[in-house]
Amino acid sequence: MCDYKEKYEEYERLIRDGLSKKRYTHSMNVAKQCARLAERHGGDVEKAYLAGLLHDIKKEETPQAMKSQAALSDMDVSSEELYIPALWHAPAGAYHIRTSLGITDPDILNAVRYHTAGRADMSLLEKIVYLGDMTSEDRSYKDVEKFRRSCMEDLDESMYDALRYSIQETLGKHSLIAPCTAKAYNFYTLIHNERKKSK
Protein backbone atom coordinates (compact mmCIF):
# COMPACT_ATOMS: atom_id res chain seq x y z
CA MET A 1 0.00 0.00 0.00
CA CYS A 2 1.15 3.56 -0.64
CA ASP A 3 1.31 6.17 2.13
CA TYR A 4 -0.68 8.99 0.54
CA LYS A 5 -3.46 8.85 3.12
CA GLU A 6 -1.68 11.27 5.46
CA LYS A 7 -1.85 13.92 2.71
CA TYR A 8 -5.56 13.51 1.92
CA GLU A 9 -6.56 16.51 4.04
CA GLU A 10 -4.00 18.76 2.33
CA TYR A 11 -5.10 17.69 -1.14
CA GLU A 12 -8.79 17.95 -0.28
CA ARG A 13 -8.22 21.51 0.94
CA LEU A 14 -6.27 22.28 -2.24
CA ILE A 15 -9.17 21.03 -4.37
CA ARG A 16 -11.76 22.86 -2.27
CA ASP A 17 -9.89 26.15 -2.49
CA GLY A 18 -9.01 25.86 -6.18
CA LEU A 19 -12.25 24.63 -7.73
CA SER A 20 -15.90 25.63 -7.76
CA LYS A 21 -18.20 23.98 -5.23
CA LYS A 22 -19.71 21.81 -7.96
CA ARG A 23 -16.32 20.62 -9.22
CA TYR A 24 -15.08 20.04 -5.66
CA THR A 25 -18.14 17.91 -4.91
CA HIS A 26 -17.58 15.96 -8.13
CA SER A 27 -13.91 15.39 -7.26
CA MET A 28 -14.80 14.08 -3.80
CA ASN A 29 -17.46 11.79 -5.29
CA VAL A 30 -15.00 10.43 -7.85
CA ALA A 31 -12.42 9.79 -5.13
CA LYS A 32 -14.97 7.79 -3.13
CA GLN A 33 -16.12 5.84 -6.18
CA CYS A 34 -12.52 5.07 -7.15
CA ALA A 35 -11.86 3.77 -3.64
CA ARG A 36 -14.94 1.53 -3.88
CA LEU A 37 -13.83 0.18 -7.25
CA ALA A 38 -10.30 -0.45 -6.01
CA GLU A 39 -11.62 -2.34 -3.01
CA ARG A 40 -13.95 -4.38 -5.22
CA HIS A 41 -11.28 -5.27 -7.79
CA GLY A 42 -8.21 -5.70 -5.60
CA GLY A 43 -6.54 -2.37 -6.34
CA ASP A 44 -4.67 0.06 -4.10
CA VAL A 45 -7.50 1.91 -2.34
CA GLU A 46 -5.36 4.81 -1.14
CA LYS A 47 -3.83 5.41 -4.55
CA ALA A 48 -7.24 5.15 -6.23
CA TYR A 49 -8.74 7.69 -3.83
CA LEU A 50 -5.87 10.10 -4.45
CA ALA A 51 -6.00 9.81 -8.25
CA GLY A 52 -9.77 10.27 -8.19
CA LEU A 53 -9.45 13.29 -5.92
CA LEU A 54 -6.91 15.00 -8.19
CA HIS A 55 -8.23 13.95 -11.61
CA ASP A 56 -9.90 17.32 -12.37
CA ILE A 57 -7.42 19.58 -10.59
CA LYS A 58 -6.94 21.68 -13.76
CA LYS A 59 -10.51 21.46 -15.04
CA GLU A 60 -11.31 25.11 -14.31
CA GLU A 61 -7.98 26.55 -15.42
CA THR A 62 -8.01 28.99 -18.34
CA PRO A 63 -8.06 27.26 -21.76
CA GLN A 64 -4.72 28.77 -22.69
CA ALA A 65 -3.07 27.48 -19.51
CA MET A 66 -4.60 24.01 -19.89
CA LYS A 67 -3.46 23.68 -23.49
CA SER A 68 0.02 24.94 -22.67
CA GLN A 69 0.43 22.52 -19.77
CA ALA A 70 -0.97 19.65 -21.83
CA ALA A 71 1.63 20.34 -24.50
CA LEU A 72 4.37 20.57 -21.87
CA SER A 73 3.33 17.38 -20.11
CA ASP A 74 5.59 15.07 -22.15
CA MET A 75 2.83 12.45 -21.95
CA ASP A 76 2.28 11.58 -25.60
CA VAL A 77 -0.42 14.19 -26.24
CA SER A 78 -1.44 13.97 -29.89
CA SER A 79 -2.16 16.87 -32.23
CA GLU A 80 -5.79 15.72 -32.29
CA GLU A 81 -6.00 16.01 -28.49
CA LEU A 82 -4.55 19.51 -28.65
CA TYR A 83 -7.42 20.35 -31.02
CA ILE A 84 -10.08 19.20 -28.50
CA PRO A 85 -10.44 21.61 -25.53
CA ALA A 86 -12.44 19.09 -23.47
CA LEU A 87 -9.36 16.85 -23.27
CA TRP A 88 -6.75 19.43 -22.22
CA HIS A 89 -7.41 19.32 -18.47
CA ALA A 90 -6.32 15.69 -18.13
CA PRO A 91 -2.70 15.89 -19.32
CA ALA A 92 -2.50 19.39 -17.81
CA GLY A 93 -3.58 17.90 -14.48
CA ALA A 94 -0.96 15.16 -14.70
CA TYR A 95 1.69 17.77 -15.50
CA HIS A 96 0.60 19.90 -12.55
CA ILE A 97 0.56 17.16 -9.94
CA ARG A 98 4.00 16.02 -11.07
CA THR A 99 5.65 19.45 -11.20
CA SER A 100 3.78 21.29 -8.44
CA LEU A 101 2.72 18.56 -5.99
CA GLY A 102 5.74 16.33 -6.47
CA ILE A 103 3.71 13.19 -7.19
CA THR A 104 5.84 11.08 -9.51
CA ASP A 105 4.09 7.69 -9.38
CA PRO A 106 3.62 6.92 -13.10
CA ASP A 107 0.41 4.97 -12.48
CA ILE A 108 -1.24 7.96 -10.76
CA LEU A 109 0.03 10.32 -13.47
CA ASN A 110 -1.31 8.07 -16.23
CA ALA A 111 -4.63 7.62 -14.44
CA VAL A 112 -5.10 11.40 -14.39
CA ARG A 113 -3.75 11.88 -17.91
CA TYR A 114 -6.03 9.24 -19.50
CA HIS A 115 -9.17 9.61 -17.39
CA THR A 116 -11.03 11.36 -20.23
CA ALA A 117 -9.46 10.04 -23.44
CA GLY A 118 -8.59 6.50 -22.37
CA ARG A 119 -5.98 4.33 -24.07
CA ALA A 120 -5.32 0.71 -24.98
CA ASP A 121 -4.28 -1.73 -22.26
CA MET A 122 -4.96 0.57 -19.32
CA SER A 123 -3.68 -0.38 -15.88
CA LEU A 124 -6.10 -1.34 -13.13
CA LEU A 125 -5.82 2.15 -11.63
CA GLU A 126 -6.33 3.85 -15.00
CA LYS A 127 -9.54 1.90 -15.60
CA ILE A 128 -10.73 2.62 -12.06
CA VAL A 129 -10.29 6.39 -12.47
CA TYR A 130 -11.81 6.44 -15.97
CA LEU A 131 -14.89 4.55 -14.75
CA GLY A 132 -14.96 6.24 -11.34
CA ASP A 133 -15.26 9.60 -13.09
CA MET A 134 -18.03 8.27 -15.32
CA THR A 135 -20.05 6.69 -12.48
CA SER A 136 -19.60 9.08 -9.54
CA GLU A 137 -22.60 9.86 -7.36
CA ASP A 138 -23.26 13.24 -9.00
CA ARG A 139 -23.54 11.79 -12.53
CA SER A 140 -27.13 11.64 -13.82
CA TYR A 141 -27.04 10.77 -17.54
CA LYS A 142 -29.42 8.17 -18.95
CA ASP A 143 -27.33 4.98 -18.62
CA VAL A 144 -25.35 5.81 -15.50
CA GLU A 145 -27.00 3.14 -13.33
CA LYS A 146 -26.11 0.49 -15.93
CA PHE A 147 -22.48 1.62 -15.87
CA ARG A 148 -22.42 1.72 -12.06
CA ARG A 149 -23.50 -1.92 -11.96
CA SER A 150 -21.20 -3.12 -14.73
CA CYS A 151 -18.02 -1.52 -13.38
CA MET A 152 -18.48 -3.34 -10.11
CA GLU A 153 -18.58 -6.64 -11.98
CA ASP A 154 -16.05 -6.46 -14.84
CA LEU A 155 -13.79 -3.51 -15.58
CA ASP A 156 -12.80 -4.59 -19.10
CA GLU A 157 -16.40 -5.13 -20.17
CA SER A 158 -17.36 -1.84 -18.57
CA MET A 159 -14.54 -0.09 -20.46
CA TYR A 160 -15.93 -1.50 -23.70
CA ASP A 161 -19.40 -0.14 -22.92
CA ALA A 162 -18.06 3.19 -21.64
CA LEU A 163 -15.88 3.80 -24.69
CA ARG A 164 -18.73 2.99 -27.06
CA TYR A 165 -20.91 5.46 -25.18
CA SER A 166 -18.21 8.15 -25.12
CA ILE A 167 -17.41 7.82 -28.81
CA GLN A 168 -21.09 7.96 -29.76
CA GLU A 169 -21.45 11.14 -27.70
CA THR A 170 -18.36 12.62 -29.36
CA LEU A 171 -19.58 11.77 -32.85
CA GLY A 172 -22.87 13.45 -32.03
CA LYS A 173 -20.93 16.65 -31.40
CA HIS A 174 -19.01 16.31 -34.71
CA SER A 175 -15.75 16.34 -32.77
CA LEU A 176 -12.48 14.55 -33.48
CA ILE A 177 -11.69 11.17 -31.94
CA ALA A 178 -8.28 11.19 -30.28
CA PRO A 179 -6.00 8.37 -31.53
CA CYS A 180 -5.57 7.00 -28.00
CA THR A 181 -9.37 6.80 -27.66
CA ALA A 182 -9.70 4.90 -30.95
CA LYS A 183 -6.97 2.50 -29.84
CA ALA A 184 -8.71 2.04 -26.49
CA TYR A 185 -11.98 1.24 -28.23
CA ASN A 186 -10.30 -1.31 -30.51
CA PHE A 187 -8.45 -2.90 -27.60
CA TYR A 188 -11.51 -3.40 -25.39
CA THR A 189 -13.71 -4.35 -28.33
CA LEU A 190 -11.30 -7.18 -29.16
CA ILE A 191 -11.50 -8.40 -25.55
CA HIS A 192 -15.29 -8.22 -25.68
CA ASN A 193 -15.48 -10.09 -29.00
CA GLU A 194 -13.03 -12.80 -27.94
CA ARG A 195 -15.03 -13.42 -24.81
CA LYS A 196 -18.21 -13.74 -26.86
CA LYS A 197 -16.53 -16.31 -29.11
CA SER A 198 -15.38 -18.40 -26.15
CA LYS A 199 -18.86 -18.67 -24.62
C-alpha atoms as a PDB file:
ATOM      1  CA  MET A   1       0.000   0.000   0.000  1.00  0.00           C
ATOM      2  CA  CYS A   2       1.148   3.563  -0.642  1.00  0.00           C
ATOM      3  CA  ASP A   3       1.310   6.165   2.134  1.00  0.00           C
ATOM      4  CA  TYR A   4      -0.683   8.987   0.543  1.00  0.00           C
ATOM      5  CA  LYS A   5      -3.459   8.846   3.117  1.00  0.00           C
ATOM      6  CA  GLU A   6      -1.684  11.266   5.459  1.00  0.00           C
ATOM      7  CA  LYS A   7      -1.849  13.925   2.710  1.00  0.00           C
ATOM      8  CA  TYR A   8      -5.565  13.510   1.918  1.00  0.00           C
ATOM      9  CA  GLU A   9      -6.556  16.514   4.039  1.00  0.00           C
ATOM     10  CA  GLU A  10      -3.995  18.759   2.333  1.00  0.00           C
ATOM     11  CA  TYR A  11      -5.096  17.692  -1.144  1.00  0.00           C
ATOM     12  CA  GLU A  12      -8.789  17.951  -0.281  1.00  0.00           C
ATOM     13  CA  ARG A  13      -8.216  21.512   0.938  1.00  0.00           C
ATOM     14  CA  LEU A  14      -6.272  22.279  -2.239  1.00  0.00           C
ATOM     15  CA  ILE A  15      -9.169  21.034  -4.373  1.00  0.00           C
ATOM     16  CA  ARG A  16     -11.762  22.859  -2.272  1.00  0.00           C
ATOM     17  CA  ASP A  17      -9.888  26.151  -2.488  1.00  0.00           C
ATOM     18  CA  GLY A  18      -9.012  25.859  -6.184  1.00  0.00           C
ATOM     19  CA  LEU A  19     -12.249  24.634  -7.727  1.00  0.00           C
ATOM     20  CA  SER A  20     -15.903  25.627  -7.764  1.00  0.00           C
ATOM     21  CA  LYS A  21     -18.200  23.978  -5.226  1.00  0.00           C
ATOM     22  CA  LYS A  22     -19.713  21.811  -7.955  1.00  0.00           C
ATOM     23  CA  ARG A  23     -16.322  20.615  -9.221  1.00  0.00           C
ATOM     24  CA  TYR A  24     -15.076  20.043  -5.664  1.00  0.00           C
ATOM     25  CA  THR A  25     -18.137  17.908  -4.913  1.00  0.00           C
ATOM     26  CA  HIS A  26     -17.578  15.956  -8.125  1.00  0.00           C
ATOM     27  CA  SER A  27     -13.908  15.388  -7.263  1.00  0.00           C
ATOM     28  CA  MET A  28     -14.805  14.080  -3.796  1.00  0.00           C
ATOM     29  CA  ASN A  29     -17.458  11.790  -5.286  1.00  0.00           C
ATOM     30  CA  VAL A  30     -15.002  10.432  -7.849  1.00  0.00           C
ATOM     31  CA  ALA A  31     -12.415   9.795  -5.130  1.00  0.00           C
ATOM     32  CA  LYS A  32     -14.969   7.792  -3.130  1.00  0.00           C
ATOM     33  CA  GLN A  33     -16.123   5.839  -6.181  1.00  0.00           C
ATOM     34  CA  CYS A  34     -12.521   5.066  -7.153  1.00  0.00           C
ATOM     35  CA  ALA A  35     -11.857   3.770  -3.638  1.00  0.00           C
ATOM     36  CA  ARG A  36     -14.941   1.526  -3.877  1.00  0.00           C
ATOM     37  CA  LEU A  37     -13.833   0.183  -7.253  1.00  0.00           C
ATOM     38  CA  ALA A  38     -10.304  -0.450  -6.010  1.00  0.00           C
ATOM     39  CA  GLU A  39     -11.619  -2.345  -3.008  1.00  0.00           C
ATOM     40  CA  ARG A  40     -13.950  -4.377  -5.225  1.00  0.00           C
ATOM     41  CA  HIS A  41     -11.282  -5.269  -7.792  1.00  0.00           C
ATOM     42  CA  GLY A  42      -8.208  -5.695  -5.600  1.00  0.00           C
ATOM     43  CA  GLY A  43      -6.539  -2.367  -6.338  1.00  0.00           C
ATOM     44  CA  ASP A  44      -4.672   0.057  -4.101  1.00  0.00           C
ATOM     45  CA  VAL A  45      -7.502   1.908  -2.342  1.00  0.00           C
ATOM     46  CA  GLU A  46      -5.356   4.812  -1.137  1.00  0.00           C
ATOM     47  CA  LYS A  47      -3.826   5.412  -4.551  1.00  0.00           C
ATOM     48  CA  ALA A  48      -7.242   5.151  -6.230  1.00  0.00           C
ATOM     49  CA  TYR A  49      -8.744   7.690  -3.827  1.00  0.00           C
ATOM     50  CA  LEU A  50      -5.875  10.100  -4.448  1.00  0.00           C
ATOM     51  CA  ALA A  51      -6.003   9.812  -8.246  1.00  0.00           C
ATOM     52  CA  GLY A  52      -9.774  10.274  -8.190  1.00  0.00           C
ATOM     53  CA  LEU A  53      -9.449  13.289  -5.919  1.00  0.00           C
ATOM     54  CA  LEU A  54      -6.913  15.005  -8.188  1.00  0.00           C
ATOM     55  CA  HIS A  55      -8.228  13.949 -11.605  1.00  0.00           C
ATOM     56  CA  ASP A  56      -9.899  17.318 -12.366  1.00  0.00           C
ATOM     57  CA  ILE A  57      -7.416  19.577 -10.588  1.00  0.00           C
ATOM     58  CA  LYS A  58      -6.944  21.679 -13.757  1.00  0.00           C
ATOM     59  CA  LYS A  59     -10.514  21.457 -15.043  1.00  0.00           C
ATOM     60  CA  GLU A  60     -11.308  25.113 -14.315  1.00  0.00           C
ATOM     61  CA  GLU A  61      -7.979  26.553 -15.421  1.00  0.00           C
ATOM     62  CA  THR A  62      -8.006  28.987 -18.345  1.00  0.00           C
ATOM     63  CA  PRO A  63      -8.062  27.262 -21.756  1.00  0.00           C
ATOM     64  CA  GLN A  64      -4.716  28.767 -22.691  1.00  0.00           C
ATOM     65  CA  ALA A  65      -3.072  27.483 -19.515  1.00  0.00           C
ATOM     66  CA  MET A  66      -4.599  24.009 -19.889  1.00  0.00           C
ATOM     67  CA  LYS A  67      -3.459  23.685 -23.493  1.00  0.00           C
ATOM     68  CA  SER A  68       0.018  24.943 -22.670  1.00  0.00           C
ATOM     69  CA  GLN A  69       0.432  22.515 -19.767  1.00  0.00           C
ATOM     70  CA  ALA A  70      -0.970  19.649 -21.829  1.00  0.00           C
ATOM     71  CA  ALA A  71       1.631  20.341 -24.504  1.00  0.00           C
ATOM     72  CA  LEU A  72       4.369  20.570 -21.867  1.00  0.00           C
ATOM     73  CA  SER A  73       3.333  17.376 -20.107  1.00  0.00           C
ATOM     74  CA  ASP A  74       5.589  15.068 -22.146  1.00  0.00           C
ATOM     75  CA  MET A  75       2.828  12.451 -21.949  1.00  0.00           C
ATOM     76  CA  ASP A  76       2.283  11.581 -25.601  1.00  0.00           C
ATOM     77  CA  VAL A  77      -0.421  14.188 -26.241  1.00  0.00           C
ATOM     78  CA  SER A  78      -1.443  13.968 -29.893  1.00  0.00           C
ATOM     79  CA  SER A  79      -2.160  16.871 -32.226  1.00  0.00           C
ATOM     80  CA  GLU A  80      -5.792  15.722 -32.285  1.00  0.00           C
ATOM     81  CA  GLU A  81      -5.998  16.009 -28.492  1.00  0.00           C
ATOM     82  CA  LEU A  82      -4.553  19.509 -28.653  1.00  0.00           C
ATOM     83  CA  TYR A  83      -7.421  20.351 -31.023  1.00  0.00           C
ATOM     84  CA  ILE A  84     -10.076  19.198 -28.499  1.00  0.00           C
ATOM     85  CA  PRO A  85     -10.437  21.606 -25.526  1.00  0.00           C
ATOM     86  CA  ALA A  86     -12.442  19.086 -23.472  1.00  0.00           C
ATOM     87  CA  LEU A  87      -9.360  16.855 -23.266  1.00  0.00           C
ATOM     88  CA  TRP A  88      -6.753  19.433 -22.217  1.00  0.00           C
ATOM     89  CA  HIS A  89      -7.414  19.321 -18.466  1.00  0.00           C
ATOM     90  CA  ALA A  90      -6.325  15.687 -18.128  1.00  0.00           C
ATOM     91  CA  PRO A  91      -2.700  15.894 -19.320  1.00  0.00           C
ATOM     92  CA  ALA A  92      -2.504  19.393 -17.809  1.00  0.00           C
ATOM     93  CA  GLY A  93      -3.584  17.900 -14.482  1.00  0.00           C
ATOM     94  CA  ALA A  94      -0.963  15.155 -14.696  1.00  0.00           C
ATOM     95  CA  TYR A  95       1.687  17.767 -15.498  1.00  0.00           C
ATOM     96  CA  HIS A  96       0.601  19.902 -12.546  1.00  0.00           C
ATOM     97  CA  ILE A  97       0.561  17.160  -9.938  1.00  0.00           C
ATOM     98  CA  ARG A  98       4.001  16.018 -11.071  1.00  0.00           C
ATOM     99  CA  THR A  99       5.652  19.448 -11.202  1.00  0.00           C
ATOM    100  CA  SER A 100       3.776  21.294  -8.436  1.00  0.00           C
ATOM    101  CA  LEU A 101       2.720  18.560  -5.992  1.00  0.00           C
ATOM    102  CA  GLY A 102       5.743  16.328  -6.473  1.00  0.00           C
ATOM    103  CA  ILE A 103       3.706  13.193  -7.186  1.00  0.00           C
ATOM    104  CA  THR A 104       5.841  11.077  -9.507  1.00  0.00           C
ATOM    105  CA  ASP A 105       4.090   7.691  -9.377  1.00  0.00           C
ATOM    106  CA  PRO A 106       3.622   6.918 -13.104  1.00  0.00           C
ATOM    107  CA  ASP A 107       0.409   4.973 -12.479  1.00  0.00           C
ATOM    108  CA  ILE A 108      -1.235   7.956 -10.764  1.00  0.00           C
ATOM    109  CA  LEU A 109       0.030  10.323 -13.465  1.00  0.00           C
ATOM    110  CA  ASN A 110      -1.305   8.075 -16.234  1.00  0.00           C
ATOM    111  CA  ALA A 111      -4.631   7.616 -14.442  1.00  0.00           C
ATOM    112  CA  VAL A 112      -5.105  11.397 -14.390  1.00  0.00           C
ATOM    113  CA  ARG A 113      -3.745  11.876 -17.909  1.00  0.00           C
ATOM    114  CA  TYR A 114      -6.028   9.237 -19.500  1.00  0.00           C
ATOM    115  CA  HIS A 115      -9.173   9.608 -17.386  1.00  0.00           C
ATOM    116  CA  THR A 116     -11.026  11.357 -20.233  1.00  0.00           C
ATOM    117  CA  ALA A 117      -9.465  10.036 -23.442  1.00  0.00           C
ATOM    118  CA  GLY A 118      -8.589   6.499 -22.368  1.00  0.00           C
ATOM    119  CA  ARG A 119      -5.979   4.332 -24.066  1.00  0.00           C
ATOM    120  CA  ALA A 120      -5.324   0.709 -24.981  1.00  0.00           C
ATOM    121  CA  ASP A 121      -4.278  -1.732 -22.257  1.00  0.00           C
ATOM    122  CA  MET A 122      -4.962   0.567 -19.317  1.00  0.00           C
ATOM    123  CA  SER A 123      -3.679  -0.379 -15.884  1.00  0.00           C
ATOM    124  CA  LEU A 124      -6.097  -1.340 -13.126  1.00  0.00           C
ATOM    125  CA  LEU A 125      -5.821   2.148 -11.632  1.00  0.00           C
ATOM    126  CA  GLU A 126      -6.331   3.853 -15.002  1.00  0.00           C
ATOM    127  CA  LYS A 127      -9.544   1.898 -15.599  1.00  0.00           C
ATOM    128  CA  ILE A 128     -10.726   2.623 -12.062  1.00  0.00           C
ATOM    129  CA  VAL A 129     -10.291   6.393 -12.470  1.00  0.00           C
ATOM    130  CA  TYR A 130     -11.810   6.443 -15.973  1.00  0.00           C
ATOM    131  CA  LEU A 131     -14.889   4.550 -14.754  1.00  0.00           C
ATOM    132  CA  GLY A 132     -14.956   6.239 -11.343  1.00  0.00           C
ATOM    133  CA  ASP A 133     -15.261   9.596 -13.091  1.00  0.00           C
ATOM    134  CA  MET A 134     -18.032   8.269 -15.316  1.00  0.00           C
ATOM    135  CA  THR A 135     -20.055   6.695 -12.479  1.00  0.00           C
ATOM    136  CA  SER A 136     -19.603   9.081  -9.544  1.00  0.00           C
ATOM    137  CA  GLU A 137     -22.605   9.858  -7.359  1.00  0.00           C
ATOM    138  CA  ASP A 138     -23.256  13.242  -9.002  1.00  0.00           C
ATOM    139  CA  ARG A 139     -23.544  11.795 -12.532  1.00  0.00           C
ATOM    140  CA  SER A 140     -27.132  11.635 -13.816  1.00  0.00           C
ATOM    141  CA  TYR A 141     -27.036  10.772 -17.540  1.00  0.00           C
ATOM    142  CA  LYS A 142     -29.416   8.167 -18.951  1.00  0.00           C
ATOM    143  CA  ASP A 143     -27.329   4.975 -18.619  1.00  0.00           C
ATOM    144  CA  VAL A 144     -25.349   5.809 -15.501  1.00  0.00           C
ATOM    145  CA  GLU A 145     -26.996   3.138 -13.334  1.00  0.00           C
ATOM    146  CA  LYS A 146     -26.108   0.490 -15.927  1.00  0.00           C
ATOM    147  CA  PHE A 147     -22.477   1.617 -15.867  1.00  0.00           C
ATOM    148  CA  ARG A 148     -22.417   1.717 -12.060  1.00  0.00           C
ATOM    149  CA  ARG A 149     -23.498  -1.923 -11.961  1.00  0.00           C
ATOM    150  CA  SER A 150     -21.199  -3.120 -14.730  1.00  0.00           C
ATOM    151  CA  CYS A 151     -18.019  -1.519 -13.382  1.00  0.00           C
ATOM    152  CA  MET A 152     -18.476  -3.339 -10.105  1.00  0.00           C
ATOM    153  CA  GLU A 153     -18.581  -6.644 -11.984  1.00  0.00           C
ATOM    154  CA  ASP A 154     -16.055  -6.459 -14.845  1.00  0.00           C
ATOM    155  CA  LEU A 155     -13.787  -3.511 -15.580  1.00  0.00           C
ATOM    156  CA  ASP A 156     -12.804  -4.592 -19.096  1.00  0.00           C
ATOM    157  CA  GLU A 157     -16.398  -5.126 -20.171  1.00  0.00           C
ATOM    158  CA  SER A 158     -17.359  -1.843 -18.570  1.00  0.00           C
ATOM    159  CA  MET A 159     -14.541  -0.088 -20.459  1.00  0.00           C
ATOM    160  CA  TYR A 160     -15.933  -1.499 -23.702  1.00  0.00           C
ATOM    161  CA  ASP A 161     -19.401  -0.141 -22.923  1.00  0.00           C
ATOM    162  CA  ALA A 162     -18.058   3.187 -21.643  1.00  0.00           C
ATOM    163  CA  LEU A 163     -15.879   3.801 -24.688  1.00  0.00           C
ATOM    164  CA  ARG A 164     -18.733   2.985 -27.059  1.00  0.00           C
ATOM    165  CA  TYR A 165     -20.912   5.457 -25.179  1.00  0.00           C
ATOM    166  CA  SER A 166     -18.215   8.145 -25.116  1.00  0.00           C
ATOM    167  CA  ILE A 167     -17.407   7.822 -28.806  1.00  0.00           C
ATOM    168  CA  GLN A 168     -21.085   7.958 -29.761  1.00  0.00           C
ATOM    169  CA  GLU A 169     -21.448  11.143 -27.697  1.00  0.00           C
ATOM    170  CA  THR A 170     -18.359  12.623 -29.356  1.00  0.00           C
ATOM    171  CA  LEU A 171     -19.578  11.773 -32.855  1.00  0.00           C
ATOM    172  CA  GLY A 172     -22.870  13.447 -32.034  1.00  0.00           C
ATOM    173  CA  LYS A 173     -20.930  16.649 -31.401  1.00  0.00           C
ATOM    174  CA  HIS A 174     -19.015  16.314 -34.705  1.00  0.00           C
ATOM    175  CA  SER A 175     -15.750  16.339 -32.771  1.00  0.00           C
ATOM    176  CA  LEU A 176     -12.478  14.550 -33.476  1.00  0.00           C
ATOM    177  CA  ILE A 177     -11.689  11.169 -31.935  1.00  0.00           C
ATOM    178  CA  ALA A 178      -8.278  11.187 -30.279  1.00  0.00           C
ATOM    179  CA  PRO A 179      -5.999   8.375 -31.531  1.00  0.00           C
ATOM    180  CA  CYS A 180      -5.574   6.999 -28.002  1.00  0.00           C
ATOM    181  CA  THR A 181      -9.374   6.799 -27.663  1.00  0.00           C
ATOM    182  CA  ALA A 182      -9.699   4.901 -30.947  1.00  0.00           C
ATOM    183  CA  LYS A 183      -6.969   2.503 -29.838  1.00  0.00           C
ATOM    184  CA  ALA A 184      -8.715   2.041 -26.493  1.00  0.00           C
ATOM    185  CA  TYR A 185     -11.982   1.238 -28.231  1.00  0.00           C
ATOM    186  CA  ASN A 186     -10.295  -1.312 -30.511  1.00  0.00           C
ATOM    187  CA  PHE A 187      -8.446  -2.901 -27.596  1.00  0.00           C
ATOM    188  CA  TYR A 188     -11.505  -3.398 -25.389  1.00  0.00           C
ATOM    189  CA  THR A 189     -13.711  -4.353 -28.330  1.00  0.00           C
ATOM    190  CA  LEU A 190     -11.299  -7.185 -29.159  1.00  0.00           C
ATOM    191  CA  ILE A 191     -11.496  -8.395 -25.552  1.00  0.00           C
ATOM    192  CA  HIS A 192     -15.286  -8.221 -25.684  1.00  0.00           C
ATOM    193  CA  ASN A 193     -15.478 -10.085 -28.999  1.00  0.00           C
ATOM    194  CA  GLU A 194     -13.035 -12.797 -27.944  1.00  0.00           C
ATOM    195  CA  ARG A 195     -15.034 -13.421 -24.805  1.00  0.00           C
ATOM    196  CA  LYS A 196     -18.211 -13.740 -26.864  1.00  0.00           C
ATOM    197  CA  LYS A 197     -16.527 -16.308 -29.107  1.00  0.00           C
ATOM    198  CA  SER A 198     -15.381 -18.402 -26.146  1.00  0.00           C
ATOM    199  CA  LYS A 199     -18.856 -18.667 -24.625  1.00  0.00           C
END
